[in-house]
């Protein structure tokens, strides 16, 4: 007999960990596409980076049910980053692609 009751429902799997990292990576890519890449002096191409960030968020949502809310927020942030990034590129006459 064991005095510790183990519950396997709250255990994190490798797929959960990778899905969480993909969702966070998607948020970082979206921030770079939005215009924060200009602060880091990176060439932010929102027409390239934002769709990749959205796809990464969708893959993360499909991989793990545990991080689906985070992946949804990452996908919505990617869409917002695409719009804001395109506006920033048009205003600053930067490259789209």
PDB file of N, CA and C in Angstrom:
ATOM      1  N   UNK A   1       0.818  -1.173   0.000  1.00  0.00           N
ATOM      2  CA  UNK A   1       0.000   0.000   0.000  1.00  0.00           C
ATOM      3  C   UNK A   1       0.868   1.244   0.000  1.00  0.00           C
ATOM      4  N   UNK A   2       0.409   2.206  -0.742  1.00  0.00           N
ATOM      5  CA  UNK A   2       1.157   3.452  -0.856  1.00  0.00           C
ATOM      6  C   UNK A   2       0.345   4.578  -0.238  1.00  0.00           C
ATOM      7  N   UNK A   3       1.040   5.461   0.427  1.00  0.00           N
ATOM      8  CA  UNK A   3       0.338   6.586   1.036  1.00  0.00           C
ATOM      9  C   UNK A   3       0.174   7.743   0.055  1.00  0.00           C
ATOM     10  N   UNK A   4       0.823   7.657  -1.107  1.00  0.00           N
ATOM     11  CA  UNK A   4       0.738   8.715  -2.114  1.00  0.00           C
ATOM     12  C   UNK A   4      -0.157   8.231  -3.250  1.00  0.00           C
ATOM     13  N   UNK A   5      -1.208   8.968  -3.488  1.00  0.00           N
ATOM     14  CA  UNK A   5      -2.098   8.648  -4.600  1.00  0.00           C
ATOM     15  C   UNK A   5      -1.613   9.394  -5.836  1.00  0.00           C
ATOM     16  N   UNK A   6      -1.295   8.643  -6.855  1.00  0.00           N
ATOM     17  CA  UNK A   6      -0.834   9.265  -8.090  1.00  0.00           C
ATOM     18  C   UNK A   6      -2.012   9.474  -9.027  1.00  0.00           C
ATOM     19  N   UNK A   7      -2.073  10.642  -9.593  1.00  0.00           N
ATOM     20  CA  UNK A   7      -3.071  10.920 -10.617  1.00  0.00           C
ATOM     21  C   UNK A   7      -2.332  11.149 -11.922  1.00  0.00           C
ATOM     22  N   UNK A   8      -2.744  10.446 -12.937  1.00  0.00           N
ATOM     23  CA  UNK A   8      -2.070  10.541 -14.217  1.00  0.00           C
ATOM     24  C   UNK A   8      -2.723  11.570 -15.131  1.00  0.00           C
ATOM     25  N   UNK A   9      -3.802  12.178 -14.716  1.00  0.00           N
ATOM     26  CA  UNK A   9      -4.505  13.143 -15.550  1.00  0.00           C
ATOM     27  C   UNK A   9      -3.809  14.481 -15.664  1.00  0.00           C
ATOM     28  N   UNK A  10      -3.027  14.862 -14.674  1.00  0.00           N
ATOM     29  CA  UNK A  10      -2.379  16.173 -14.707  1.00  0.00           C
ATOM     30  C   UNK A  10      -0.911  16.090 -15.111  1.00  0.00           C
ATOM     31  N   UNK A  11      -0.506  14.986 -15.650  1.00  0.00           N
ATOM     32  CA  UNK A  11       0.879  14.786 -16.058  1.00  0.00           C
ATOM     33  C   UNK A  11       1.126  15.427 -17.420  1.00  0.00           C
ATOM     34  N   UNK A  12       2.242  16.109 -17.563  1.00  0.00           N
ATOM     35  CA  UNK A  12       2.599  16.755 -18.815  1.00  0.00           C
ATOM     36  C   UNK A  12       3.377  15.794 -19.692  1.00  0.00           C
ATOM     37  N   UNK A  13       2.957  15.656 -20.923  1.00  0.00           N
ATOM     38  CA  UNK A  13       3.641  14.789 -21.868  1.00  0.00           C
ATOM     39  C   UNK A  13       4.613  15.601 -22.714  1.00  0.00           C
ATOM     40  N   UNK A  14       5.392  14.907 -23.514  1.00  0.00           N
ATOM     41  CA  UNK A  14       6.348  15.588 -24.399  1.00  0.00           C
ATOM     42  C   UNK A  14       5.608  16.403 -25.453  1.00  0.00           C
ATOM     43  N   UNK A  15       4.487  15.903 -25.930  1.00  0.00           N
ATOM     44  CA  UNK A  15       3.702  16.644 -26.921  1.00  0.00           C
ATOM     45  C   UNK A  15       3.158  17.942 -26.328  1.00  0.00           C
ATOM     46  N   UNK A  16       2.767  17.911 -25.048  1.00  0.00           N
ATOM     47  CA  UNK A  16       2.306  19.128 -24.387  1.00  0.00           C
ATOM     48  C   UNK A  16       3.425  20.162 -24.307  1.00  0.00           C
ATOM     49  N   UNK A  17       4.611  19.705 -23.972  1.00  0.00           N
ATOM     50  CA  UNK A  17       5.742  20.617 -23.853  1.00  0.00           C
ATOM     51  C   UNK A  17       6.091  21.244 -25.194  1.00  0.00           C
ATOM     52  N   UNK A  18       6.123  20.440 -26.236  1.00  0.00           N
ATOM     53  CA  UNK A  18       6.448  20.960 -27.562  1.00  0.00           C
ATOM     54  C   UNK A  18       5.347  21.888 -28.060  1.00  0.00           C
ATOM     55  N   UNK A  19       4.110  21.575 -27.780  1.00  0.00           N
ATOM     56  CA  UNK A  19       3.005  22.443 -28.181  1.00  0.00           C
ATOM     57  C   UNK A  19       3.084  23.788 -27.471  1.00  0.00           C
ATOM     58  N   UNK A  20       3.423  23.771 -26.205  1.00  0.00           N
ATOM     59  CA  UNK A  20       3.593  25.028 -25.478  1.00  0.00           C
ATOM     60  C   UNK A  20       4.733  25.862 -26.044  1.00  0.00           C
ATOM     61  N   UNK A  21       5.838  25.206 -26.370  1.00  0.00           N
ATOM     62  CA  UNK A  21       6.960  25.933 -26.968  1.00  0.00           C
ATOM     63  C   UNK A  21       6.605  26.482 -28.350  1.00  0.00           C
ATOM     64  N   UNK A  22       5.850  25.723 -29.130  1.00  0.00           N
ATOM     65  CA  UNK A  22       5.412  26.217 -30.439  1.00  0.00           C
ATOM     66  C   UNK A  22       4.493  27.430 -30.297  1.00  0.00           C
ATOM     67  N   UNK A  23       3.602  27.397 -29.335  1.00  0.00           N
ATOM     68  CA  UNK A  23       2.695  28.524 -29.129  1.00  0.00           C
ATOM     69  C   UNK A  23       3.462  29.773 -28.692  1.00  0.00           C
ATOM     70  N   UNK A  24       4.413  29.602 -27.801  1.00  0.00           N
ATOM     71  CA  UNK A  24       5.210  30.748 -27.351  1.00  0.00           C
ATOM     72  C   UNK A  24       6.100  31.252 -28.481  1.00  0.00           C
ATOM     73  N   UNK A  25       6.662  30.333 -29.262  1.00  0.00           N
ATOM     74  CA  UNK A  25       7.459  30.737 -30.424  1.00  0.00           C
ATOM     75  C   UNK A  25       6.621  31.490 -31.440  1.00  0.00           C
ATOM     76  N   UNK A  26       5.376  31.087 -31.592  1.00  0.00           N
ATOM     77  CA  UNK A  26       4.467  31.794 -32.484  1.00  0.00           C
ATOM     78  C   UNK A  26       4.219  33.218 -32.006  1.00  0.00           C
ATOM     79  N   UNK A  27       4.083  33.395 -30.709  1.00  0.00           N
ATOM     80  CA  UNK A  27       3.887  34.740 -30.157  1.00  0.00           C
ATOM     81  C   UNK A  27       5.121  35.596 -30.393  1.00  0.00           C
ATOM     82  N   UNK A  28       6.305  35.019 -30.235  1.00  0.00           N
ATOM     83  CA  UNK A  28       7.546  35.764 -30.463  1.00  0.00           C
ATOM     84  C   UNK A  28       7.672  36.156 -31.933  1.00  0.00           C
ATOM     85  N   UNK A  29       7.394  35.226 -32.840  1.00  0.00           N
ATOM     86  CA  UNK A  29       7.437  35.547 -34.266  1.00  0.00           C
ATOM     87  C   UNK A  29       6.416  36.618 -34.624  1.00  0.00           C
ATOM     88  N   UNK A  30       5.253  36.560 -34.022  1.00  0.00           N
ATOM     89  CA  UNK A  30       4.232  37.574 -34.276  1.00  0.00           C
ATOM     90  C   UNK A  30       4.678  38.942 -33.786  1.00  0.00           C
ATOM     91  N   UNK A  31       5.339  38.975 -32.650  1.00  0.00           N
ATOM     92  CA  UNK A  31       5.834  40.258 -32.134  1.00  0.00           C
ATOM     93  C   UNK A  31       6.899  40.835 -33.060  1.00  0.00           C
ATOM     94  N   UNK A  32       7.751  39.992 -33.603  1.00  0.00           N
ATOM     95  CA  UNK A  32       8.762  40.472 -34.551  1.00  0.00           C
ATOM     96  C   UNK A  32       8.084  40.986 -35.819  1.00  0.00           C
ATOM     97  N   UNK A  33       7.064  40.269 -36.303  1.00  0.00           N
ATOM     98  CA  UNK A  33       6.355  40.694 -37.505  1.00  0.00           C
ATOM     99  C   UNK A  33       5.566  41.972 -37.276  1.00  0.00           C
ATOM    100  N   UNK A  34       5.116  42.181 -36.043  1.00  0.00           N
ATOM    101  CA  UNK A  34       4.304  43.346 -35.746  1.00  0.00           C
ATOM    102  C   UNK A  34       5.105  44.641 -35.826  1.00  0.00           C
ATOM    103  N   UNK A  35       6.367  44.583 -35.577  1.00  0.00           N
ATOM    104  CA  UNK A  35       7.163  45.795 -35.624  1.00  0.00           C
ATOM    105  C   UNK A  35       8.173  45.877 -34.509  1.00  0.00           C
ATOM    106  N   UNK A  36       8.095  44.952 -33.557  1.00  0.00           N
ATOM    107  CA  UNK A  36       9.095  44.951 -32.503  1.00  0.00           C
ATOM    108  C   UNK A  36      10.455  44.523 -33.029  1.00  0.00           C
ATOM    109  N   UNK A  37      10.477  43.926 -34.225  1.00  0.00           N
ATOM    110  CA  UNK A  37      11.742  43.593 -34.866  1.00  0.00           C
ATOM    111  C   UNK A  37      12.512  44.838 -35.252  1.00  0.00           C
ATOM    112  N   UNK A  38      11.798  45.943 -35.460  1.00  0.00           N
ATOM    113  CA  UNK A  38      12.471  47.195 -35.767  1.00  0.00           C
ATOM    114  C   UNK A  38      13.274  47.693 -34.565  1.00  0.00           C
ATOM    115  N   UNK A  39      12.780  47.429 -33.374  1.00  0.00           N
ATOM    116  CA  UNK A  39      13.516  47.820 -32.168  1.00  0.00           C
ATOM    117  C   UNK A  39      14.796  47.019 -32.026  1.00  0.00           C
ATOM    118  N   UNK A  40      14.773  45.765 -32.470  1.00  0.00           N
ATOM    119  CA  UNK A  40      15.951  44.906 -32.411  1.00  0.00           C
ATOM    120  C   UNK A  40      16.803  45.022 -33.676  1.00  0.00           C
ATOM    121  N   UNK A  41      16.408  45.933 -34.564  1.00  0.00           N
ATOM    122  CA  UNK A  41      17.056  46.163 -35.849  1.00  0.00           C
ATOM    123  C   UNK A  41      17.075  44.901 -36.707  1.00  0.00           C
ATOM    124  N   UNK A  42      15.951  44.204 -36.703  1.00  0.00           N
ATOM    125  CA  UNK A  42      15.747  43.053 -37.568  1.00  0.00           C
ATOM    126  C   UNK A  42      14.869  43.483 -38.736  1.00  0.00           C
ATOM    127  N   UNK A  43      15.106  42.915 -39.895  1.00  0.00           N
ATOM    128  CA  UNK A  43      14.216  43.170 -41.018  1.00  0.00           C
ATOM    129  C   UNK A  43      12.966  42.329 -40.828  1.00  0.00           C
ATOM    130  N   UNK A  44      11.930  42.965 -40.356  1.00  0.00           N
ATOM    131  CA  UNK A  44      10.672  42.258 -40.126  1.00  0.00           C
ATOM    132  C   UNK A  44       9.865  42.281 -41.414  1.00  0.00           C
ATOM    133  N   UNK A  45       9.621  41.144 -41.969  1.00  0.00           N
ATOM    134  CA  UNK A  45       8.806  41.000 -43.167  1.00  0.00           C
ATOM    135  C   UNK A  45       7.491  40.365 -42.744  1.00  0.00           C
ATOM    136  N   UNK A  46       6.474  41.182 -42.464  1.00  0.00           N
ATOM    137  CA  UNK A  46       5.230  40.609 -41.930  1.00  0.00           C
ATOM    138  C   UNK A  46       4.516  39.691 -42.908  1.00  0.00           C
ATOM    139  N   UNK A  47       4.730  39.876 -44.202  1.00  0.00           N
ATOM    140  CA  UNK A  47       4.068  38.995 -45.168  1.00  0.00           C
ATOM    141  C   UNK A  47       4.658  37.590 -45.138  1.00  0.00           C
ATOM    142  N   UNK A  48       5.867  37.439 -44.618  1.00  0.00           N
ATOM    143  CA  UNK A  48       6.488  36.115 -44.491  1.00  0.00           C
ATOM    144  C   UNK A  48       6.341  35.544 -43.081  1.00  0.00           C
ATOM    145  N   UNK A  49       6.587  36.371 -42.084  1.00  0.00           N
ATOM    146  CA  UNK A  49       6.711  35.881 -40.707  1.00  0.00           C
ATOM    147  C   UNK A  49       5.351  35.603 -40.063  1.00  0.00           C
ATOM    148  N   UNK A  50       4.380  36.474 -40.263  1.00  0.00           N
ATOM    149  CA  UNK A  50       3.086  36.324 -39.597  1.00  0.00           C
ATOM    150  C   UNK A  50       2.345  35.046 -40.022  1.00  0.00           C
ATOM    151  N   UNK A  51       2.302  34.691 -41.312  1.00  0.00           N
ATOM    152  CA  UNK A  51       1.640  33.419 -41.646  1.00  0.00           C
ATOM    153  C   UNK A  51       2.337  32.202 -41.045  1.00  0.00           C
ATOM    154  N   UNK A  52       3.660  32.242 -40.954  1.00  0.00           N
ATOM    155  CA  UNK A  52       4.390  31.137 -40.322  1.00  0.00           C
ATOM    156  C   UNK A  52       4.016  31.048 -38.846  1.00  0.00           C
ATOM    157  N   UNK A  53       3.882  32.197 -38.198  1.00  0.00           N
ATOM    158  CA  UNK A  53       3.500  32.220 -36.784  1.00  0.00           C
ATOM    159  C   UNK A  53       2.089  31.667 -36.587  1.00  0.00           C
ATOM    160  N   UNK A  54       1.182  32.001 -37.501  1.00  0.00           N
ATOM    161  CA  UNK A  54      -0.190  31.506 -37.390  1.00  0.00           C
ATOM    162  C   UNK A  54      -0.239  29.989 -37.592  1.00  0.00           C
ATOM    163  N   UNK A  55       0.524  29.484 -38.562  1.00  0.00           N
ATOM    164  CA  UNK A  55       0.559  28.037 -38.803  1.00  0.00           C
ATOM    165  C   UNK A  55       1.159  27.313 -37.600  1.00  0.00           C
ATOM    166  N   UNK A  56       2.205  27.886 -37.007  1.00  0.00           N
ATOM    167  CA  UNK A  56       2.805  27.271 -35.812  1.00  0.00           C
ATOM    168  C   UNK A  56       1.801  27.227 -34.665  1.00  0.00           C
ATOM    169  N   UNK A  57       0.989  28.268 -34.516  1.00  0.00           N
ATOM    170  CA  UNK A  57      -0.034  28.276 -33.469  1.00  0.00           C
ATOM    171  C   UNK A  57      -1.097  27.222 -33.738  1.00  0.00           C
ATOM    172  N   UNK A  58      -1.482  27.044 -34.997  1.00  0.00           N
ATOM    173  CA  UNK A  58      -2.482  26.033 -35.322  1.00  0.00           C
ATOM    174  C   UNK A  58      -1.946  24.623 -35.107  1.00  0.00           C
ATOM    175  N   UNK A  59      -0.673  24.413 -35.409  1.00  0.00           N
ATOM    176  CA  UNK A  59      -0.059  23.108 -35.151  1.00  0.00           C
ATOM    177  C   UNK A  59      -0.017  22.836 -33.647  1.00  0.00           C
ATOM    178  N   UNK A  60       0.320  23.864 -32.872  1.00  0.00           N
ATOM    179  CA  UNK A  60       0.347  23.704 -31.417  1.00  0.00           C
ATOM    180  C   UNK A  60      -1.038  23.386 -30.865  1.00  0.00           C
ATOM    181  N   UNK A  61      -2.062  23.997 -31.431  1.00  0.00           N
ATOM    182  CA  UNK A  61      -3.428  23.725 -30.971  1.00  0.00           C
ATOM    183  C   UNK A  61      -3.835  22.299 -31.279  1.00  0.00           C
ATOM    184  N   UNK A  62      -3.379  21.774 -32.401  1.00  0.00           N
ATOM    185  CA  UNK A  62      -3.731  20.412 -32.779  1.00  0.00           C
ATOM    186  C   UNK A  62      -2.941  19.372 -31.990  1.00  0.00           C
ATOM    187  N   UNK A  63      -1.727  19.734 -31.556  1.00  0.00           N
ATOM    188  CA  UNK A  63      -0.873  18.782 -30.851  1.00  0.00           C
ATOM    189  C   UNK A  63      -1.359  18.461 -29.453  1.00  0.00           C
ATOM    190  N   UNK A  64      -1.877  19.478 -28.763  1.00  0.00           N
ATOM    191  CA  UNK A  64      -2.168  19.287 -27.354  1.00  0.00           C
ATOM    192  C   UNK A  64      -3.452  20.004 -26.962  1.00  0.00           C
ATOM    193  N   UNK A  65      -4.310  19.292 -26.277  1.00  0.00           N
ATOM    194  CA  UNK A  65      -5.538  19.917 -25.778  1.00  0.00           C
ATOM    195  C   UNK A  65      -5.245  20.827 -24.592  1.00  0.00           C
ATOM    196  N   UNK A  66      -4.145  20.579 -23.917  1.00  0.00           N
ATOM    197  CA  UNK A  66      -3.804  21.354 -22.733  1.00  0.00           C
ATOM    198  C   UNK A  66      -3.464  22.806 -23.075  1.00  0.00           C
ATOM    199  N   UNK A  67      -2.812  23.023 -24.218  1.00  0.00           N
ATOM    200  CA  UNK A  67      -2.379  24.366 -24.603  1.00  0.00           C
ATOM    201  C   UNK A  67      -3.212  24.956 -25.726  1.00  0.00           C
ATOM    202  N   UNK A  68      -4.409  24.453 -25.939  1.00  0.00           N
ATOM    203  CA  UNK A  68      -5.274  25.021 -26.969  1.00  0.00           C
ATOM    204  C   UNK A  68      -5.662  26.468 -26.691  1.00  0.00           C
ATOM    205  N   UNK A  69      -5.953  26.871 -25.455  1.00  0.00           N
ATOM    206  CA  UNK A  69      -6.255  28.295 -25.229  1.00  0.00           C
ATOM    207  C   UNK A  69      -5.055  29.212 -25.543  1.00  0.00           C
ATOM    208  N   UNK A  70      -3.861  28.779 -25.181  1.00  0.00           N
ATOM    209  CA  UNK A  70      -2.673  29.569 -25.493  1.00  0.00           C
ATOM    210  C   UNK A  70      -2.443  29.632 -26.998  1.00  0.00           C
ATOM    211  N   UNK A  71      -2.672  28.528 -27.681  1.00  0.00           N
ATOM    212  CA  UNK A  71      -2.493  28.499 -29.132  1.00  0.00           C
ATOM    213  C   UNK A  71      -3.539  29.369 -29.832  1.00  0.00           C
ATOM    214  N   UNK A  72      -4.754  29.401 -29.313  1.00  0.00           N
ATOM    215  CA  UNK A  72      -5.774  30.281 -29.873  1.00  0.00           C
ATOM    216  C   UNK A  72      -5.364  31.737 -29.730  1.00  0.00           C
ATOM    217  N   UNK A  73      -4.875  32.101 -28.562  1.00  0.00           N
ATOM    218  CA  UNK A  73      -4.410  33.473 -28.350  1.00  0.00           C
ATOM    219  C   UNK A  73      -3.224  33.790 -29.248  1.00  0.00           C
ATOM    220  N   UNK A  74      -2.351  32.815 -29.459  1.00  0.00           N
ATOM    221  CA  UNK A  74      -1.197  33.021 -30.336  1.00  0.00           C
ATOM    222  C   UNK A  74      -1.645  33.212 -31.782  1.00  0.00           C
ATOM    223  N   UNK A  75      -2.644  32.464 -32.231  1.00  0.00           N
ATOM    224  CA  UNK A  75      -3.147  32.616 -33.599  1.00  0.00           C
ATOM    225  C   UNK A  75      -3.831  33.967 -33.791  1.00  0.00           C
ATOM    226  N   UNK A  76      -4.608  34.389 -32.822  1.00  0.00           N
ATOM    227  CA  UNK A  76      -5.248  35.701 -32.903  1.00  0.00           C
ATOM    228  C   UNK A  76      -4.215  36.827 -32.859  1.00  0.00           C
ATOM    229  N   UNK A  77      -3.198  36.661 -32.036  1.00  0.00           N
ATOM    230  CA  UNK A  77      -2.123  37.647 -31.970  1.00  0.00           C
ATOM    231  C   UNK A  77      -1.351  37.677 -33.287  1.00  0.00           C
ATOM    232  N   UNK A  78      -1.207  36.533 -33.943  1.00  0.00           N
ATOM    233  CA  UNK A  78      -0.551  36.477 -35.251  1.00  0.00           C
ATOM    234  C   UNK A  78      -1.335  37.231 -36.308  1.00  0.00           C
ATOM    235  N   UNK A  79      -2.660  37.097 -36.282  1.00  0.00           N
ATOM    236  CA  UNK A  79      -3.492  37.837 -37.231  1.00  0.00           C
ATOM    237  C   UNK A  79      -3.405  39.337 -36.983  1.00  0.00           C
ATOM    238  N   UNK A  80      -3.443  39.732 -35.725  1.00  0.00           N
ATOM    239  CA  UNK A  80      -3.290  41.146 -35.381  1.00  0.00           C
ATOM    240  C   UNK A  80      -1.906  41.653 -35.768  1.00  0.00           C
ATOM    241  N   UNK A  81      -0.889  40.831 -35.564  1.00  0.00           N
ATOM    242  CA  UNK A  81       0.477  41.216 -35.908  1.00  0.00           C
ATOM    243  C   UNK A  81       0.636  41.399 -37.411  1.00  0.00           C
ATOM    244  N   UNK A  82      -0.066  40.574 -38.192  1.00  0.00           N
ATOM    245  CA  UNK A  82       0.004  40.714 -39.640  1.00  0.00           C
ATOM    246  C   UNK A  82      -0.557  42.070 -40.070  1.00  0.00           C
ATOM    247  N   UNK A  83      -1.709  42.443 -39.515  1.00  0.00           N
ATOM    248  CA  UNK A  83      -2.341  43.715 -39.874  1.00  0.00           C
ATOM    249  C   UNK A  83      -1.470  44.887 -39.433  1.00  0.00           C
ATOM    250  N   UNK A  84      -1.034  44.871 -38.192  1.00  0.00           N
ATOM    251  CA  UNK A  84      -0.218  45.980 -37.682  1.00  0.00           C
ATOM    252  C   UNK A  84       1.126  46.031 -38.400  1.00  0.00           C
ATOM    253  N   UNK A  85       1.727  44.873 -38.649  1.00  0.00           N
ATOM    254  CA  UNK A  85       3.004  44.829 -39.351  1.00  0.00           C
ATOM    255  C   UNK A  85       2.903  45.367 -40.761  1.00  0.00           C
ATOM    256  N   UNK A  86       1.815  45.050 -41.463  1.00  0.00           N
ATOM    257  CA  UNK A  86       1.629  45.586 -42.806  1.00  0.00           C
ATOM    258  C   UNK A  86       1.454  47.101 -42.782  1.00  0.00           C
ATOM    259  N   UNK A  87       0.743  47.606 -41.794  1.00  0.00           N
ATOM    260  CA  UNK A  87       0.582  49.059 -41.672  1.00  0.00           C
ATOM    261  C   UNK A  87       1.932  49.715 -41.392  1.00  0.00           C
ATOM    262  N   UNK A  88       2.717  49.128 -40.507  1.00  0.00           N
ATOM    263  CA  UNK A  88       4.037  49.686 -40.188  1.00  0.00           C
ATOM    264  C   UNK A  88       4.945  49.675 -41.414  1.00  0.00           C
ATOM    265  N   UNK A  89       4.904  48.591 -42.184  1.00  0.00           N
ATOM    266  CA  UNK A  89       5.737  48.500 -43.381  1.00  0.00           C
ATOM    267  C   UNK A  89       5.318  49.533 -44.416  1.00  0.00           C
ATOM    268  N   UNK A  90       4.024  49.752 -44.583  1.00  0.00           N
ATOM    269  CA  UNK A  90       3.559  50.738 -45.559  1.00  0.00           C
ATOM    270  C   UNK A  90       3.925  52.146 -45.121  1.00  0.00           C
ATOM    271  N   UNK A  91       3.791  52.434 -43.827  1.00  0.00           N
ATOM    272  CA  UNK A  91       4.110  53.773 -43.335  1.00  0.00           C
ATOM    273  C   UNK A  91       5.605  54.058 -43.424  1.00  0.00           C
ATOM    274  N   UNK A  92       6.430  53.058 -43.123  1.00  0.00           N
ATOM    275  CA  UNK A  92       7.887  53.263 -43.128  1.00  0.00           C
ATOM    276  C   UNK A  92       8.538  52.936 -44.456  1.00  0.00           C
ATOM    277  N   UNK A  93       7.767  52.584 -45.476  1.00  0.00           N
ATOM    278  CA  UNK A  93       8.294  52.192 -46.795  1.00  0.00           C
ATOM    279  C   UNK A  93       9.295  51.065 -46.704  1.00  0.00           C
ATOM    280  N   UNK A  94       8.996  50.094 -45.883  1.00  0.00           N
ATOM    281  CA  UNK A  94       9.859  48.927 -45.729  1.00  0.00           C
ATOM    282  C   UNK A  94       9.490  47.833 -46.710  1.00  0.00           C
ATOM    283  N   UNK A  95      10.289  46.758 -46.745  1.00  0.00           N
ATOM    284  CA  UNK A  95       9.998  45.664 -47.672  1.00  0.00           C
ATOM    285  C   UNK A  95       8.876  44.762 -47.132  1.00  0.00           C
ATOM    286  N   UNK A  96       7.976  44.381 -48.020  1.00  0.00           N
ATOM    287  CA  UNK A  96       6.901  43.459 -47.624  1.00  0.00           C
ATOM    288  C   UNK A  96       7.400  42.030 -47.565  1.00  0.00           C
ATOM    289  N   UNK A  97       8.189  41.624 -48.574  1.00  0.00           N
ATOM    290  CA  UNK A  97       8.655  40.236 -48.649  1.00  0.00           C
ATOM    291  C   UNK A  97      10.106  40.148 -48.359  1.00  0.00           C
TER     292      UNK A  97
END
